[in-house]
Amino acid sequence: SSRTLASAMDVSPTQEPNHFMPTKTLSYHLINIHWADPDGMNDGDEVAVFSNDICVGSVVFDGNNLQQILAWEATNSQTDDGFHSGESIRFAYWDGSEEKELNSEISYVDFDGWGSDGIFQSGGMSGVNVSMTTLASSDGLGLPEKIQLVGNFPNPFNPYTTIKYELPHDAEVSLVVYNLLGEVVQVLVSSDIPSGRHSIVWNGESISNSAVPSGIYIYQLTVDGVVSGSKKMVLVK
């Protein structure tokens, strides 16, 4: 059976991702990954599965050519903390500096009991071959066209949230979290950043490494000394 084959795969636990951060819920769609050419990847690279624009599962590449992703299902039909059955599976890749969409690099394995239609199912299982050779020659997303503070997800959050921003060129970047009094709570980025799509995780801690209280916080992106955007986020405990 498919369960027997999956359990027989030599799959070892990997480290926790720090770029693609899904919300773990109660049920999942299991995706078995076979890296067709693992030599083209580096330890610490991450692959994620998305439902629409929501990351629902991810894995850190650990050098093995067989790994698994648990794609988490939404808690109920009203929430967006995971996938909803019938939605399309989308893959993305993080190489330590930018996100890339995986399209032609993915091929589904046709095996008894496994879904090969690229659709999420509650309690489902799929297998994919991932070939990174085509990715090396083309960036599926291209460079961003403008500076943009994309936003954070999840929001509200507790205590982790991922803030995304985009740069069409190399720039000096600062990304700072403020409280409603305008006081600096945390400096997430303060350095020269290359062009591309970037994200940073905030763990809900202040500069002094203490957990901050529940409430509304403002995060502000400054690029080459110019404020490029600010947004609100809500920490709920």
C-alpha atoms as a PDB file:
ATOM      1  CA  SER A   1       0.000   0.000   0.000  1.00  0.00           C
ATOM      2  CA  SER A   2       1.030   3.630  -0.268  1.00  0.00           C
ATOM      3  CA  ARG A   3       1.353   3.929   3.489  1.00  0.00           C
ATOM      4  CA  THR A   4       3.679   0.932   3.570  1.00  0.00           C
ATOM      5  CA  LEU A   5       5.908   2.372   0.867  1.00  0.00           C
ATOM      6  CA  ALA A   6       6.037   5.766   2.537  1.00  0.00           C
ATOM      7  CA  SER A   7       6.925   4.252   5.897  1.00  0.00           C
ATOM      8  CA  ALA A   8       9.637   2.172   4.246  1.00  0.00           C
ATOM      9  CA  MET A   9      11.322   5.244   2.761  1.00  0.00           C
ATOM     10  CA  ASP A  10      14.530   6.205   4.517  1.00  0.00           C
ATOM     11  CA  VAL A  11      13.254   9.545   5.704  1.00  0.00           C
ATOM     12  CA  SER A  12      15.017  11.247   8.578  1.00  0.00           C
ATOM     13  CA  PRO A  13      13.739  14.265  10.519  1.00  0.00           C
ATOM     14  CA  THR A  14      15.280  17.546   9.434  1.00  0.00           C
ATOM     15  CA  GLN A  15      15.919  20.850  11.140  1.00  0.00           C
ATOM     16  CA  GLU A  16      13.100  23.333  11.474  1.00  0.00           C
ATOM     17  CA  PRO A  17      12.760  25.770   8.548  1.00  0.00           C
ATOM     18  CA  ASN A  18      13.475  29.420   9.281  1.00  0.00           C
ATOM     19  CA  HIS A  19      12.294  30.934   5.981  1.00  0.00           C
ATOM     20  CA  PHE A  20       9.097  29.107   5.063  1.00  0.00           C
ATOM     21  CA  MET A  21       7.067  28.951   8.285  1.00  0.00           C
ATOM     22  CA  PRO A  22       3.739  27.118   7.979  1.00  0.00           C
ATOM     23  CA  THR A  23       1.190  26.873  10.766  1.00  0.00           C
ATOM     24  CA  LYS A  24       0.890  23.316  12.059  1.00  0.00           C
ATOM     25  CA  THR A  25      -2.726  22.196  12.410  1.00  0.00           C
ATOM     26  CA  LEU A  26      -4.453  18.883  13.120  1.00  0.00           C
ATOM     27  CA  SER A  27      -4.447  17.150   9.717  1.00  0.00           C
ATOM     28  CA  TYR A  28      -2.204  17.123   6.682  1.00  0.00           C
ATOM     29  CA  HIS A  29      -1.529  15.990   3.116  1.00  0.00           C
ATOM     30  CA  LEU A  30       1.758  14.044   3.027  1.00  0.00           C
ATOM     31  CA  ILE A  31       4.119  14.803   0.143  1.00  0.00           C
ATOM     32  CA  ASN A  32       7.055  12.459  -0.480  1.00  0.00           C
ATOM     33  CA  ILE A  33       9.902  14.247  -2.255  1.00  0.00           C
ATOM     34  CA  HIS A  34      12.600  12.624  -4.370  1.00  0.00           C
ATOM     35  CA  TRP A  35      15.455  14.985  -5.225  1.00  0.00           C
ATOM     36  CA  ALA A  36      16.485  13.962  -8.739  1.00  0.00           C
ATOM     37  CA  ASP A  37      19.752  15.907  -8.588  1.00  0.00           C
ATOM     38  CA  PRO A  38      20.592  16.771  -4.966  1.00  0.00           C
ATOM     39  CA  ASP A  39      24.106  17.877  -5.970  1.00  0.00           C
ATOM     40  CA  GLY A  40      22.544  21.088  -7.225  1.00  0.00           C
ATOM     41  CA  MET A  41      21.324  21.991  -3.739  1.00  0.00           C
ATOM     42  CA  ASN A  42      22.955  23.066  -0.496  1.00  0.00           C
ATOM     43  CA  ASP A  43      22.197  21.964   3.033  1.00  0.00           C
ATOM     44  CA  GLY A  44      19.830  24.516   4.542  1.00  0.00           C
ATOM     45  CA  ASP A  45      17.967  25.225   1.294  1.00  0.00           C
ATOM     46  CA  GLU A  46      14.214  25.028   1.814  1.00  0.00           C
ATOM     47  CA  VAL A  47      11.297  23.855  -0.286  1.00  0.00           C
ATOM     48  CA  ALA A  48       7.716  24.753   0.565  1.00  0.00           C
ATOM     49  CA  VAL A  49       4.247  23.936  -0.650  1.00  0.00           C
ATOM     50  CA  PHE A  50       1.689  26.703  -0.979  1.00  0.00           C
ATOM     51  CA  SER A  51      -2.062  26.850  -1.270  1.00  0.00           C
ATOM     52  CA  ASN A  52      -2.768  30.131  -3.037  1.00  0.00           C
ATOM     53  CA  ASP A  53      -0.336  32.499  -1.277  1.00  0.00           C
ATOM     54  CA  ILE A  54      -0.274  30.630   2.028  1.00  0.00           C
ATOM     55  CA  CYS A  55       2.682  28.442   2.971  1.00  0.00           C
ATOM     56  CA  VAL A  56       1.163  25.217   4.298  1.00  0.00           C
ATOM     57  CA  GLY A  57       4.266  23.039   4.592  1.00  0.00           C
ATOM     58  CA  SER A  58       8.044  23.099   4.187  1.00  0.00           C
ATOM     59  CA  VAL A  59      11.217  21.080   4.559  1.00  0.00           C
ATOM     60  CA  VAL A  60      14.920  21.895   4.941  1.00  0.00           C
ATOM     61  CA  PHE A  61      17.189  20.042   2.504  1.00  0.00           C
ATOM     62  CA  ASP A  62      19.564  17.825   4.485  1.00  0.00           C
ATOM     63  CA  GLY A  63      21.578  16.076   1.787  1.00  0.00           C
ATOM     64  CA  ASN A  64      19.319  13.017   1.534  1.00  0.00           C
ATOM     65  CA  ASN A  65      17.547  12.420  -1.767  1.00  0.00           C
ATOM     66  CA  LEU A  66      14.290  11.390  -0.054  1.00  0.00           C
ATOM     67  CA  GLN A  67      12.380  13.704   2.275  1.00  0.00           C
ATOM     68  CA  GLN A  68       8.793  14.451   3.258  1.00  0.00           C
ATOM     69  CA  ILE A  69       6.666  17.560   3.627  1.00  0.00           C
ATOM     70  CA  LEU A  70       3.582  17.675   5.801  1.00  0.00           C
ATOM     71  CA  ALA A  71       1.186  20.116   4.125  1.00  0.00           C
ATOM     72  CA  TRP A  72      -1.198  21.282   6.841  1.00  0.00           C
ATOM     73  CA  GLU A  73      -4.936  21.547   6.290  1.00  0.00           C
ATOM     74  CA  ALA A  74      -6.934  24.584   7.381  1.00  0.00           C
ATOM     75  CA  THR A  75      -8.532  24.191  10.802  1.00  0.00           C
ATOM     76  CA  ASN A  76     -11.962  24.767   9.257  1.00  0.00           C
ATOM     77  CA  SER A  77     -13.594  26.225   6.156  1.00  0.00           C
ATOM     78  CA  GLN A  78     -13.445  29.753   7.574  1.00  0.00           C
ATOM     79  CA  THR A  79      -9.712  29.892   8.346  1.00  0.00           C
ATOM     80  CA  ASP A  80      -6.636  30.405   6.174  1.00  0.00           C
ATOM     81  CA  ASP A  81      -4.104  28.638   8.385  1.00  0.00           C
ATOM     82  CA  GLY A  82      -3.704  25.807   5.866  1.00  0.00           C
ATOM     83  CA  PHE A  83      -4.991  24.359   2.610  1.00  0.00           C
ATOM     84  CA  HIS A  84      -8.602  23.583   1.729  1.00  0.00           C
ATOM     85  CA  SER A  85      -9.288  20.328  -0.121  1.00  0.00           C
ATOM     86  CA  GLY A  86      -9.495  20.859  -3.870  1.00  0.00           C
ATOM     87  CA  GLU A  87      -6.990  23.720  -3.992  1.00  0.00           C
ATOM     88  CA  SER A  88      -3.921  23.443  -6.222  1.00  0.00           C
ATOM     89  CA  ILE A  89      -0.518  22.515  -4.813  1.00  0.00           C
ATOM     90  CA  ARG A  90       2.195  25.075  -5.577  1.00  0.00           C
ATOM     91  CA  PHE A  91       5.892  24.641  -4.815  1.00  0.00           C
ATOM     92  CA  ALA A  92       8.538  27.256  -4.018  1.00  0.00           C
ATOM     93  CA  TYR A  93      12.247  27.100  -3.262  1.00  0.00           C
ATOM     94  CA  TRP A  94      14.500  29.193  -1.013  1.00  0.00           C
ATOM     95  CA  ASP A  95      18.242  29.134  -1.693  1.00  0.00           C
ATOM     96  CA  GLY A  96      19.282  31.354   1.214  1.00  0.00           C
ATOM     97  CA  SER A  97      18.846  34.647  -0.622  1.00  0.00           C
ATOM     98  CA  GLU A  98      15.677  34.541  -2.714  1.00  0.00           C
ATOM     99  CA  GLU A  99      12.472  32.654  -3.361  1.00  0.00           C
ATOM    100  CA  LYS A 100      11.888  30.904  -6.678  1.00  0.00           C
ATOM    101  CA  GLU A 101       8.732  29.335  -8.001  1.00  0.00           C
ATOM    102  CA  LEU A 102       9.021  25.639  -8.888  1.00  0.00           C
ATOM    103  CA  ASN A 103       6.995  24.716 -11.967  1.00  0.00           C
ATOM    104  CA  SER A 104       8.724  22.632 -14.644  1.00  0.00           C
ATOM    105  CA  GLU A 105      11.030  21.272 -11.923  1.00  0.00           C
ATOM    106  CA  ILE A 106       8.168  19.252 -10.393  1.00  0.00           C
ATOM    107  CA  SER A 107       6.799  15.968 -11.741  1.00  0.00           C
ATOM    108  CA  TYR A 108       4.274  13.820  -9.903  1.00  0.00           C
ATOM    109  CA  VAL A 109       4.873  10.129  -9.238  1.00  0.00           C
ATOM    110  CA  ASP A 110       2.099   7.832 -10.457  1.00  0.00           C
ATOM    111  CA  PHE A 111       1.733   5.267  -7.672  1.00  0.00           C
ATOM    112  CA  ASP A 112      -1.235   3.361  -6.306  1.00  0.00           C
ATOM    113  CA  GLY A 113      -3.026   5.410  -3.666  1.00  0.00           C
ATOM    114  CA  TRP A 114      -1.083   8.598  -4.355  1.00  0.00           C
ATOM    115  CA  GLY A 115      -2.672  11.708  -5.817  1.00  0.00           C
ATOM    116  CA  SER A 116      -0.900  12.847  -8.979  1.00  0.00           C
ATOM    117  CA  ASP A 117      -3.234  15.665 -10.019  1.00  0.00           C
ATOM    118  CA  GLY A 118      -1.529  18.410  -8.003  1.00  0.00           C
ATOM    119  CA  ILE A 119      -4.580  18.935  -5.790  1.00  0.00           C
ATOM    120  CA  PHE A 120      -4.671  19.059  -1.983  1.00  0.00           C
ATOM    121  CA  GLN A 121      -6.821  16.436  -0.256  1.00  0.00           C
ATOM    122  CA  SER A 122      -7.510  16.014   3.445  1.00  0.00           C
ATOM    123  CA  GLY A 123      -5.436  13.042   4.566  1.00  0.00           C
ATOM    124  CA  GLY A 124      -4.034  12.725   1.057  1.00  0.00           C
ATOM    125  CA  MET A 125      -0.632  11.582  -0.115  1.00  0.00           C
ATOM    126  CA  SER A 126       1.469  12.494  -3.142  1.00  0.00           C
ATOM    127  CA  GLY A 127       4.945  11.851  -4.458  1.00  0.00           C
ATOM    128  CA  VAL A 128       7.021  14.245  -6.541  1.00  0.00           C
ATOM    129  CA  ASN A 129      10.342  14.211  -8.329  1.00  0.00           C
ATOM    130  CA  VAL A 130      12.161  17.543  -8.048  1.00  0.00           C
ATOM    131  CA  SER A 131      14.848  18.402 -10.595  1.00  0.00           C
ATOM    132  CA  MET A 132      16.821  21.540  -9.803  1.00  0.00           C
ATOM    133  CA  THR A 133      18.906  21.602 -12.998  1.00  0.00           C
ATOM    134  CA  THR A 134      16.355  23.686 -14.901  1.00  0.00           C
ATOM    135  CA  LEU A 135      16.117  26.134 -12.018  1.00  0.00           C
ATOM    136  CA  ALA A 136      19.825  26.914 -12.163  1.00  0.00           C
ATOM    137  CA  SER A 137      19.436  28.478 -15.601  1.00  0.00           C
ATOM    138  CA  SER A 138      16.283  30.500 -15.025  1.00  0.00           C
ATOM    139  CA  ASP A 139      14.681  32.374 -12.187  1.00  0.00           C
ATOM    140  CA  GLY A 140      10.979  31.721 -12.588  1.00  0.00           C
ATOM    141  CA  LEU A 141       9.913  34.891 -10.812  1.00  0.00           C
ATOM    142  CA  GLY A 142      12.450  37.371 -12.182  1.00  0.00           C
ATOM    143  CA  LEU A 143      13.507  40.462 -10.258  1.00  0.00           C
ATOM    144  CA  PRO A 144      10.830  42.549  -8.548  1.00  0.00           C
ATOM    145  CA  GLU A 145       9.816  45.640 -10.485  1.00  0.00           C
ATOM    146  CA  LYS A 146       9.669  47.945  -7.458  1.00  0.00           C
ATOM    147  CA  ILE A 147      10.529  48.268  -3.798  1.00  0.00           C
ATOM    148  CA  GLN A 148       7.687  46.752  -1.841  1.00  0.00           C
ATOM    149  CA  LEU A 149       6.871  45.878   1.749  1.00  0.00           C
ATOM    150  CA  VAL A 150       4.660  42.896   0.955  1.00  0.00           C
ATOM    151  CA  GLY A 151       3.307  42.204   4.427  1.00  0.00           C
ATOM    152  CA  ASN A 152       3.481  39.603   7.170  1.00  0.00           C
ATOM    153  CA  PHE A 153       1.914  36.204   7.678  1.00  0.00           C
ATOM    154  CA  PRO A 154       0.325  35.018   9.818  1.00  0.00           C
ATOM    155  CA  ASN A 155      -1.386  38.122  11.144  1.00  0.00           C
ATOM    156  CA  PRO A 156      -2.540  38.027  13.916  1.00  0.00           C
ATOM    157  CA  PHE A 157       0.315  35.826  15.116  1.00  0.00           C
ATOM    158  CA  ASN A 158       1.776  34.134  18.207  1.00  0.00           C
ATOM    159  CA  PRO A 159       4.727  34.422  18.547  1.00  0.00           C
ATOM    160  CA  TYR A 160       6.227  33.960  15.049  1.00  0.00           C
ATOM    161  CA  THR A 161       5.411  35.893  11.899  1.00  0.00           C
ATOM    162  CA  THR A 162       7.209  36.185   8.562  1.00  0.00           C
ATOM    163  CA  ILE A 163       7.630  39.632   6.992  1.00  0.00           C
ATOM    164  CA  LYS A 164       8.286  39.767   3.248  1.00  0.00           C
ATOM    165  CA  TYR A 165       9.765  42.582   1.177  1.00  0.00           C
ATOM    166  CA  GLU A 166      11.061  42.997  -2.387  1.00  0.00           C
ATOM    167  CA  LEU A 167      14.013  44.891  -3.848  1.00  0.00           C
ATOM    168  CA  PRO A 168      14.571  45.537  -7.578  1.00  0.00           C
ATOM    169  CA  HIS A 169      18.229  46.432  -6.868  1.00  0.00           C
ATOM    170  CA  ASP A 170      20.879  46.004  -4.186  1.00  0.00           C
ATOM    171  CA  ALA A 171      20.242  48.423  -1.343  1.00  0.00           C
ATOM    172  CA  GLU A 172      20.939  49.402   2.242  1.00  0.00           C
ATOM    173  CA  VAL A 173      17.907  48.131   4.127  1.00  0.00           C
ATOM    174  CA  SER A 174      16.488  48.533   7.594  1.00  0.00           C
ATOM    175  CA  LEU A 175      13.363  46.798   8.849  1.00  0.00           C
ATOM    176  CA  VAL A 176      12.316  47.952  12.302  1.00  0.00           C
ATOM    177  CA  VAL A 177       9.438  47.006  14.599  1.00  0.00           C
ATOM    178  CA  TYR A 178       7.878  49.804  16.680  1.00  0.00           C
ATOM    179  CA  ASN A 179       5.211  49.899  19.368  1.00  0.00           C
ATOM    180  CA  LEU A 180       2.324  52.366  19.181  1.00  0.00           C
ATOM    181  CA  LEU A 181       4.365  54.878  21.189  1.00  0.00           C
ATOM    182  CA  GLY A 182       6.901  54.986  18.380  1.00  0.00           C
ATOM    183  CA  GLU A 183       9.555  53.219  20.436  1.00  0.00           C
ATOM    184  CA  VAL A 184      11.884  50.755  18.730  1.00  0.00           C
ATOM    185  CA  VAL A 185      10.985  47.209  19.769  1.00  0.00           C
ATOM    186  CA  GLN A 186      13.250  45.191  17.472  1.00  0.00           C
ATOM    187  CA  VAL A 187      15.603  45.767  14.533  1.00  0.00           C
ATOM    188  CA  LEU A 188      15.081  42.850  12.149  1.00  0.00           C
ATOM    189  CA  VAL A 189      17.306  44.021   9.288  1.00  0.00           C
ATOM    190  CA  SER A 190      20.066  46.627   9.176  1.00  0.00           C
ATOM    191  CA  SER A 191      22.487  45.801   6.375  1.00  0.00           C
ATOM    192  CA  ASP A 192      23.170  45.785   2.652  1.00  0.00           C
ATOM    193  CA  ILE A 193      20.721  43.387   0.971  1.00  0.00           C
ATOM    194  CA  PRO A 194      20.915  42.078  -2.619  1.00  0.00           C
ATOM    195  CA  SER A 195      18.061  42.487  -5.081  1.00  0.00           C
ATOM    196  CA  GLY A 196      15.306  39.891  -4.946  1.00  0.00           C
ATOM    197  CA  ARG A 197      12.452  38.697  -2.767  1.00  0.00           C
ATOM    198  CA  HIS A 198      13.301  38.496   0.907  1.00  0.00           C
ATOM    199  CA  SER A 199      11.662  37.518   4.147  1.00  0.00           C
ATOM    200  CA  ILE A 200      12.561  37.672   7.806  1.00  0.00           C
ATOM    201  CA  VAL A 201      10.958  35.954  10.775  1.00  0.00           C
ATOM    202  CA  TRP A 202      10.133  37.900  13.929  1.00  0.00           C
ATOM    203  CA  ASN A 203       9.849  35.749  17.034  1.00  0.00           C
ATOM    204  CA  GLY A 204       7.929  38.270  19.120  1.00  0.00           C
ATOM    205  CA  GLU A 205      10.973  39.297  21.135  1.00  0.00           C
ATOM    206  CA  SER A 206      12.433  42.724  21.814  1.00  0.00           C
ATOM    207  CA  ILE A 207      16.015  43.881  21.318  1.00  0.00           C
ATOM    208  CA  SER A 208      16.704  42.696  24.875  1.00  0.00           C
ATOM    209  CA  ASN A 209      15.493  39.189  23.901  1.00  0.00           C
ATOM    210  CA  SER A 210      12.420  39.357  26.117  1.00  0.00           C
ATOM    211  CA  ALA A 211       8.945  38.399  24.900  1.00  0.00           C
ATOM    212  CA  VAL A 212       6.851  41.457  24.075  1.00  0.00           C
ATOM    213  CA  PRO A 213       3.238  41.790  25.266  1.00  0.00           C
ATOM    214  CA  SER A 214       0.162  41.272  23.117  1.00  0.00           C
ATOM    215  CA  GLY A 215      -0.859  44.267  21.072  1.00  0.00           C
ATOM    216  CA  ILE A 216      -0.481  46.160  17.820  1.00  0.00           C
ATOM    217  CA  TYR A 217       2.993  46.724  16.385  1.00  0.00           C
ATOM    218  CA  ILE A 218       4.200  48.700  13.384  1.00  0.00           C
ATOM    219  CA  TYR A 219       6.975  47.472  11.105  1.00  0.00           C
ATOM    220  CA  GLN A 220       8.702  49.902   8.770  1.00  0.00           C
ATOM    221  CA  LEU A 221      10.903  49.261   5.740  1.00  0.00           C
ATOM    222  CA  THR A 222      13.574  51.842   4.887  1.00  0.00           C
ATOM    223  CA  VAL A 223      15.593  51.446   1.680  1.00  0.00           C
ATOM    224  CA  ASP A 224      18.686  53.591   1.032  1.00  0.00           C
ATOM    225  CA  GLY A 225      17.527  56.017   3.709  1.00  0.00           C
ATOM    226  CA  VAL A 226      14.007  56.445   2.339  1.00  0.00           C
ATOM    227  CA  VAL A 227      10.964  55.047   4.148  1.00  0.00           C
ATOM    228  CA  SER A 228       9.365  52.655   1.671  1.00  0.00           C
ATOM    229  CA  GLY A 229       6.386  51.432   3.656  1.00  0.00           C
ATOM    230  CA  SER A 230       4.973  50.525   7.034  1.00  0.00           C
ATOM    231  CA  LYS A 231       2.277  48.103   8.121  1.00  0.00           C
ATOM    232  CA  LYS A 232       0.477  46.984  11.263  1.00  0.00           C
ATOM    233  CA  MET A 233       0.605  43.531  12.811  1.00  0.00           C
ATOM    234  CA  VAL A 234      -1.155  42.097  15.835  1.00  0.00           C
ATOM    235  CA  LEU A 235       0.449  39.831  18.415  1.00  0.00           C
ATOM    236  CA  VAL A 236      -2.184  37.763  20.221  1.00  0.00           C
ATOM    237  CA  LYS A 237      -1.314  35.473  23.117  1.00  0.00           C
END
